[in-house]
Amino acid sequence: MKVLGHIRCGTPDCDWGFALPDTSEARMNECYAEFRMHCIERHGLDQDDREAEMFLDLMEGTLTLVKNP
């Protein structure tokens, strides 16, 4: 499935992005892994946090970290 070609971080003023020419399982897993590392390095996500979720909005072309309270 052809999508947007590029996903960006949903945090305002953040410059992270990832090329996403298709939504194959392998490419999506790579995107999520790189986004998780980005969130650890730039947005203060604890490396051991397994509660935080990612929200992918294909219409907006964003991937956003959602921390559960």
Protein backbone atom coordinates (compact mmCIF):
# COMPACT_ATOMS: atom_id res chain seq x y z
CA MET A 1 0.00 0.00 0.00
CA LYS A 2 1.44 3.37 -1.00
CA VAL A 3 1.03 5.95 1.77
CA LEU A 4 2.60 9.36 2.29
CA GLY A 5 6.23 8.57 1.75
CA HIS A 6 7.25 10.23 5.03
CA ILE A 7 6.15 10.11 8.67
CA ARG A 8 7.17 12.86 11.10
CA CYS A 9 7.09 13.21 14.87
CA GLY A 10 3.77 14.60 16.10
CA THR A 11 5.45 16.81 18.69
CA PRO A 12 5.34 20.43 17.54
CA ASP A 13 8.71 21.85 16.43
CA CYS A 14 10.34 18.39 16.32
CA ASP A 15 12.38 17.57 13.24
CA TRP A 16 12.35 13.73 13.39
CA GLY A 17 11.13 12.01 10.26
CA PHE A 18 11.14 8.58 8.67
CA ALA A 19 10.77 7.54 5.03
CA LEU A 20 7.71 5.32 4.69
CA PRO A 21 7.15 4.40 1.05
CA ASP A 22 4.94 1.46 2.08
CA THR A 23 3.32 -0.04 5.17
CA SER A 24 4.95 -3.46 5.04
CA GLU A 25 5.33 -5.11 8.43
CA ALA A 26 9.12 -4.87 8.26
CA ARG A 27 9.08 -1.16 7.39
CA MET A 28 6.50 -0.36 10.09
CA ASN A 29 8.53 -2.24 12.72
CA GLU A 30 11.64 -0.29 11.71
CA CYS A 31 9.71 2.98 11.89
CA TYR A 32 8.38 2.23 15.38
CA ALA A 33 11.82 1.14 16.63
CA GLU A 34 13.50 4.30 15.33
CA PHE A 35 10.71 6.47 16.72
CA ARG A 36 11.03 4.82 20.13
CA MET A 37 14.79 5.55 20.18
CA HIS A 38 14.04 9.13 19.11
CA CYS A 39 11.59 9.50 22.02
CA ILE A 40 14.15 8.11 24.48
CA GLU A 41 16.83 10.50 23.24
CA ARG A 42 14.75 13.65 22.67
CA HIS A 43 11.50 13.44 24.59
CA GLY A 44 12.50 11.85 27.89
CA LEU A 45 10.96 8.42 27.43
CA ASP A 46 12.42 5.96 29.93
CA GLN A 47 14.16 3.14 28.06
CA ASP A 48 12.34 0.56 30.20
CA ASP A 49 8.89 2.16 29.78
CA ARG A 50 6.58 -0.37 28.16
CA GLU A 51 3.40 1.52 29.08
CA ALA A 52 3.86 4.36 26.59
CA GLU A 53 2.08 3.87 23.30
CA MET A 54 2.57 5.28 19.82
CA PHE A 55 -0.26 6.76 17.80
CA LEU A 56 0.16 6.66 14.03
CA ASP A 57 -2.01 9.10 12.09
CA LEU A 58 -1.67 8.27 8.40
CA MET A 59 -3.94 11.13 7.38
CA GLU A 60 -1.66 13.70 9.07
CA GLY A 61 1.55 11.73 8.48
CA THR A 62 2.52 11.81 12.17
CA LEU A 63 3.62 9.39 14.83
CA THR A 64 3.02 10.59 18.40
CA LEU A 65 4.12 9.22 21.76
CA VAL A 66 1.26 8.85 24.22
CA LYS A 67 2.35 8.37 27.84
CA ASN A 68 -0.25 6.65 29.98
CA PRO A 69 -0.77 8.27 33.41
